[in-house]
């Protein structure tokens, strides 16, 4: 599991672009927020390009990501909150693209 420690990581930048409608339209992708919805996305037939999770949530998603060959990136709470689009702490512990 790669640990992303900053906003310059290519996978993080691609995911962050999805916060804006233009980024979603350009990539044809969107973010799924929350551990439950991320788990559902991994269990569905829909394509999942990447999963981002806090170190506490990652073990719960690791097997499903490995089974589907989806990269799982570890993020601190601050970077997860930034991907959610808030400047404050939220309960979101995982996101999927």
N, C-alpha and C. Protein backbone atom coordinates (compact mmCIF):
# COMPACT_ATOMS: atom_id res chain seq x y z
N UNK A 1 0.84 -1.18 0.00
CA UNK A 1 0.00 0.00 0.00
C UNK A 1 0.88 1.25 0.00
N UNK A 2 0.88 1.98 -1.06
CA UNK A 2 1.64 3.23 -1.08
C UNK A 2 1.04 4.26 -0.13
N UNK A 3 1.91 4.96 0.55
CA UNK A 3 1.50 6.03 1.47
C UNK A 3 1.68 7.36 0.75
N UNK A 4 0.61 8.10 0.61
CA UNK A 4 0.68 9.42 -0.02
C UNK A 4 0.81 10.45 1.08
N UNK A 5 1.91 11.18 1.05
CA UNK A 5 2.16 12.15 2.12
C UNK A 5 1.98 13.59 1.68
N UNK A 6 1.69 13.79 0.40
CA UNK A 6 1.53 15.16 -0.08
C UNK A 6 0.62 15.25 -1.29
N UNK A 7 0.26 16.46 -1.64
CA UNK A 7 -0.71 16.68 -2.71
C UNK A 7 -0.12 16.56 -4.11
N UNK A 8 1.18 16.34 -4.23
CA UNK A 8 1.80 16.27 -5.55
C UNK A 8 1.81 14.87 -6.15
N UNK A 9 1.38 13.88 -5.43
CA UNK A 9 1.34 12.52 -5.96
C UNK A 9 0.35 12.48 -7.13
N UNK A 10 0.73 11.86 -8.26
CA UNK A 10 -0.14 11.86 -9.45
C UNK A 10 -1.54 11.30 -9.22
N UNK A 11 -1.66 10.22 -8.47
CA UNK A 11 -2.99 9.63 -8.21
C UNK A 11 -3.84 10.59 -7.38
N UNK A 12 -3.21 11.26 -6.43
CA UNK A 12 -3.94 12.22 -5.60
C UNK A 12 -4.42 13.40 -6.45
N UNK A 13 -3.55 13.89 -7.32
CA UNK A 13 -3.91 15.04 -8.17
C UNK A 13 -5.07 14.70 -9.09
N UNK A 14 -5.06 13.48 -9.65
CA UNK A 14 -6.16 13.06 -10.51
C UNK A 14 -7.46 13.00 -9.73
N UNK A 15 -7.41 12.46 -8.52
CA UNK A 15 -8.61 12.38 -7.68
C UNK A 15 -9.08 13.78 -7.28
N UNK A 16 -8.15 14.65 -6.94
CA UNK A 16 -8.52 16.00 -6.52
C UNK A 16 -9.19 16.77 -7.65
N UNK A 17 -8.82 16.50 -8.88
CA UNK A 17 -9.44 17.17 -10.03
C UNK A 17 -10.93 16.82 -10.13
N UNK A 18 -11.33 15.70 -9.54
CA UNK A 18 -12.72 15.28 -9.60
C UNK A 18 -13.63 16.09 -8.68
N UNK A 19 -13.06 16.98 -7.89
CA UNK A 19 -13.89 17.85 -7.05
C UNK A 19 -14.65 18.88 -7.87
N UNK A 20 -14.18 19.13 -9.08
CA UNK A 20 -14.81 20.15 -9.94
C UNK A 20 -15.55 19.46 -11.08
N UNK A 21 -16.70 20.03 -11.48
CA UNK A 21 -17.46 19.44 -12.58
C UNK A 21 -16.62 19.27 -13.86
N UNK A 22 -15.76 20.23 -14.15
CA UNK A 22 -14.93 20.14 -15.35
C UNK A 22 -13.98 18.95 -15.27
N UNK A 23 -13.44 18.69 -14.10
CA UNK A 23 -12.55 17.55 -13.91
C UNK A 23 -13.28 16.23 -14.07
N UNK A 24 -14.51 16.16 -13.54
CA UNK A 24 -15.30 14.94 -13.69
C UNK A 24 -15.66 14.71 -15.15
N UNK A 25 -16.01 15.77 -15.86
CA UNK A 25 -16.36 15.65 -17.28
C UNK A 25 -15.14 15.24 -18.10
N UNK A 26 -14.00 15.83 -17.80
CA UNK A 26 -12.78 15.53 -18.56
C UNK A 26 -12.33 14.08 -18.37
N UNK A 27 -12.43 13.57 -17.15
CA UNK A 27 -11.97 12.21 -16.86
C UNK A 27 -13.06 11.17 -17.04
N UNK A 28 -14.32 11.59 -16.99
CA UNK A 28 -15.41 10.62 -17.05
C UNK A 28 -15.47 9.76 -15.80
N UNK A 29 -15.05 10.33 -14.68
CA UNK A 29 -15.01 9.62 -13.39
C UNK A 29 -15.60 10.50 -12.30
N UNK A 30 -15.82 9.92 -11.15
CA UNK A 30 -16.29 10.67 -10.00
C UNK A 30 -15.79 10.00 -8.72
N UNK A 31 -15.92 10.72 -7.61
CA UNK A 31 -15.49 10.20 -6.31
C UNK A 31 -16.68 9.60 -5.58
N UNK A 32 -16.44 8.50 -4.91
CA UNK A 32 -17.41 7.88 -4.01
C UNK A 32 -16.84 8.08 -2.61
N UNK A 33 -17.62 8.69 -1.73
CA UNK A 33 -17.13 9.03 -0.39
C UNK A 33 -17.69 8.10 0.66
N UNK A 34 -16.83 7.68 1.55
CA UNK A 34 -17.23 6.87 2.70
C UNK A 34 -16.82 5.42 2.55
N UNK A 35 -16.58 4.78 3.67
CA UNK A 35 -16.14 3.39 3.67
C UNK A 35 -17.21 2.46 3.13
N UNK A 36 -18.48 2.69 3.50
CA UNK A 36 -19.55 1.82 3.03
C UNK A 36 -19.72 1.90 1.52
N UNK A 37 -19.74 3.11 0.97
CA UNK A 37 -19.91 3.25 -0.48
C UNK A 37 -18.68 2.77 -1.24
N UNK A 38 -17.51 2.93 -0.66
CA UNK A 38 -16.30 2.41 -1.28
C UNK A 38 -16.35 0.89 -1.33
N UNK A 39 -16.79 0.26 -0.25
CA UNK A 39 -16.94 -1.20 -0.21
C UNK A 39 -17.96 -1.66 -1.24
N UNK A 40 -19.06 -0.93 -1.36
CA UNK A 40 -20.07 -1.27 -2.36
C UNK A 40 -19.53 -1.13 -3.78
N UNK A 41 -18.76 -0.08 -4.01
CA UNK A 41 -18.17 0.12 -5.34
C UNK A 41 -17.23 -1.04 -5.69
N UNK A 42 -16.44 -1.48 -4.72
CA UNK A 42 -15.52 -2.59 -4.96
C UNK A 42 -16.26 -3.91 -5.18
N UNK A 43 -17.45 -4.05 -4.62
CA UNK A 43 -18.24 -5.27 -4.78
C UNK A 43 -19.08 -5.24 -6.05
N UNK A 44 -19.21 -4.09 -6.67
CA UNK A 44 -20.03 -3.94 -7.86
C UNK A 44 -19.22 -4.26 -9.12
N UNK A 45 -19.92 -4.40 -10.26
CA UNK A 45 -19.18 -4.62 -11.50
C UNK A 45 -18.62 -3.32 -12.10
N UNK A 46 -18.90 -2.19 -11.48
CA UNK A 46 -18.42 -0.90 -11.99
C UNK A 46 -16.90 -0.82 -11.88
N UNK A 47 -16.26 -0.15 -12.84
CA UNK A 47 -14.80 0.00 -12.75
C UNK A 47 -14.42 0.92 -11.59
N UNK A 48 -13.40 0.55 -10.86
CA UNK A 48 -12.86 1.36 -9.77
C UNK A 48 -11.38 1.56 -10.10
N UNK A 49 -10.96 2.82 -10.24
CA UNK A 49 -9.58 3.10 -10.64
C UNK A 49 -8.63 3.15 -9.45
N UNK A 50 -9.09 3.64 -8.30
CA UNK A 50 -8.22 3.78 -7.14
C UNK A 50 -9.06 3.91 -5.88
N UNK A 51 -8.48 3.54 -4.77
CA UNK A 51 -9.11 3.71 -3.45
C UNK A 51 -8.11 4.44 -2.57
N UNK A 52 -8.60 5.40 -1.84
CA UNK A 52 -7.82 6.17 -0.87
C UNK A 52 -8.44 5.92 0.50
N UNK A 53 -7.62 5.61 1.49
CA UNK A 53 -8.14 5.32 2.82
C UNK A 53 -7.17 5.74 3.90
N UNK A 54 -7.71 5.98 5.07
CA UNK A 54 -6.87 6.27 6.23
C UNK A 54 -6.23 4.96 6.68
N UNK A 55 -5.11 5.03 7.40
CA UNK A 55 -4.47 3.80 7.87
C UNK A 55 -5.40 2.91 8.70
N UNK A 56 -6.35 3.50 9.41
CA UNK A 56 -7.28 2.70 10.20
C UNK A 56 -8.31 1.96 9.36
N UNK A 57 -8.66 2.52 8.21
CA UNK A 57 -9.69 1.91 7.33
C UNK A 57 -9.08 0.99 6.29
N UNK A 58 -7.85 1.20 5.90
CA UNK A 58 -7.22 0.45 4.81
C UNK A 58 -7.28 -1.08 4.99
N UNK A 59 -7.03 -1.61 6.19
CA UNK A 59 -7.09 -3.08 6.32
C UNK A 59 -8.46 -3.66 5.96
N UNK A 60 -9.53 -2.90 6.16
CA UNK A 60 -10.87 -3.37 5.82
C UNK A 60 -11.11 -3.42 4.31
N UNK A 61 -10.32 -2.69 3.55
CA UNK A 61 -10.52 -2.60 2.10
C UNK A 61 -9.44 -3.34 1.31
N UNK A 62 -8.39 -3.74 1.98
CA UNK A 62 -7.21 -4.30 1.31
C UNK A 62 -7.54 -5.54 0.48
N UNK A 63 -8.29 -6.49 1.01
CA UNK A 63 -8.58 -7.73 0.29
C UNK A 63 -9.39 -7.45 -0.97
N UNK A 64 -10.41 -6.61 -0.86
CA UNK A 64 -11.25 -6.30 -2.03
C UNK A 64 -10.45 -5.57 -3.09
N UNK A 65 -9.57 -4.68 -2.69
CA UNK A 65 -8.73 -3.97 -3.66
C UNK A 65 -7.77 -4.94 -4.35
N UNK A 66 -7.17 -5.82 -3.58
CA UNK A 66 -6.24 -6.79 -4.16
C UNK A 66 -6.97 -7.72 -5.12
N UNK A 67 -8.17 -8.16 -4.75
CA UNK A 67 -8.95 -9.06 -5.60
C UNK A 67 -9.28 -8.43 -6.95
N UNK A 68 -9.51 -7.12 -6.96
CA UNK A 68 -9.86 -6.42 -8.20
C UNK A 68 -8.67 -5.70 -8.83
N UNK A 69 -7.50 -5.85 -8.26
CA UNK A 69 -6.28 -5.19 -8.74
C UNK A 69 -6.44 -3.67 -8.78
N UNK A 70 -7.05 -3.14 -7.73
CA UNK A 70 -7.25 -1.69 -7.59
C UNK A 70 -6.20 -1.17 -6.62
N UNK A 71 -5.45 -0.14 -7.01
CA UNK A 71 -4.46 0.40 -6.07
C UNK A 71 -5.14 1.02 -4.84
N UNK A 72 -4.58 0.75 -3.69
CA UNK A 72 -5.07 1.28 -2.42
C UNK A 72 -3.99 2.20 -1.87
N UNK A 73 -4.33 3.47 -1.71
CA UNK A 73 -3.38 4.48 -1.23
C UNK A 73 -3.75 4.89 0.19
N UNK A 74 -2.75 5.00 1.05
CA UNK A 74 -2.96 5.47 2.42
C UNK A 74 -2.85 6.99 2.46
N UNK A 75 -3.82 7.61 3.11
CA UNK A 75 -3.82 9.07 3.28
C UNK A 75 -4.08 9.41 4.73
N UNK A 76 -3.46 10.47 5.18
CA UNK A 76 -3.78 10.99 6.50
C UNK A 76 -5.13 11.68 6.46
N UNK A 77 -5.69 11.96 7.62
CA UNK A 77 -7.01 12.58 7.70
C UNK A 77 -7.07 13.92 6.98
N UNK A 78 -6.00 14.70 7.04
CA UNK A 78 -5.99 16.00 6.38
C UNK A 78 -6.13 15.89 4.87
N UNK A 79 -5.44 14.93 4.26
CA UNK A 79 -5.53 14.75 2.81
C UNK A 79 -6.87 14.16 2.41
N UNK A 80 -7.43 13.29 3.23
CA UNK A 80 -8.78 12.76 2.94
C UNK A 80 -9.78 13.91 2.97
N UNK A 81 -9.70 14.76 3.99
CA UNK A 81 -10.63 15.89 4.10
C UNK A 81 -10.51 16.81 2.90
N UNK A 82 -9.32 16.99 2.42
CA UNK A 82 -9.12 17.83 1.24
C UNK A 82 -9.79 17.21 0.01
N UNK A 83 -9.72 15.88 -0.12
CA UNK A 83 -10.39 15.21 -1.24
C UNK A 83 -11.91 15.26 -1.12
N UNK A 84 -12.39 15.31 0.11
CA UNK A 84 -13.84 15.44 0.31
C UNK A 84 -14.28 16.86 -0.06
N UNK A 85 -13.34 17.79 -0.04
CA UNK A 85 -13.65 19.16 -0.42
C UNK A 85 -14.00 20.04 0.75
N UNK A 86 -13.59 19.63 1.96
CA UNK A 86 -13.86 20.44 3.14
C UNK A 86 -12.54 20.90 3.75
N UNK A 87 -12.60 21.98 4.46
CA UNK A 87 -11.43 22.47 5.16
C UNK A 87 -11.43 22.04 6.62
N UNK A 88 -12.34 21.16 6.97
CA UNK A 88 -12.44 20.72 8.35
C UNK A 88 -12.55 19.19 8.39
N UNK A 89 -12.36 18.63 9.56
CA UNK A 89 -12.37 17.17 9.71
C UNK A 89 -13.76 16.62 9.53
N UNK A 90 -13.85 15.51 8.80
CA UNK A 90 -15.11 14.80 8.60
C UNK A 90 -14.94 13.36 9.02
N UNK A 91 -16.02 12.61 8.98
CA UNK A 91 -15.97 11.19 9.36
C UNK A 91 -15.58 10.29 8.19
N UNK A 92 -15.30 10.84 7.03
CA UNK A 92 -14.95 10.05 5.85
C UNK A 92 -13.56 9.44 6.05
N UNK A 93 -13.49 8.12 5.91
CA UNK A 93 -12.23 7.40 6.09
C UNK A 93 -11.77 6.72 4.81
N UNK A 94 -12.60 6.77 3.75
CA UNK A 94 -12.23 6.14 2.49
C UNK A 94 -12.94 6.81 1.33
N UNK A 95 -12.29 6.78 0.17
CA UNK A 95 -12.84 7.32 -1.08
C UNK A 95 -12.45 6.38 -2.20
N UNK A 96 -13.30 6.31 -3.22
CA UNK A 96 -12.97 5.51 -4.40
C UNK A 96 -13.16 6.37 -5.63
N UNK A 97 -12.35 6.13 -6.65
CA UNK A 97 -12.48 6.78 -7.95
C UNK A 97 -13.04 5.74 -8.89
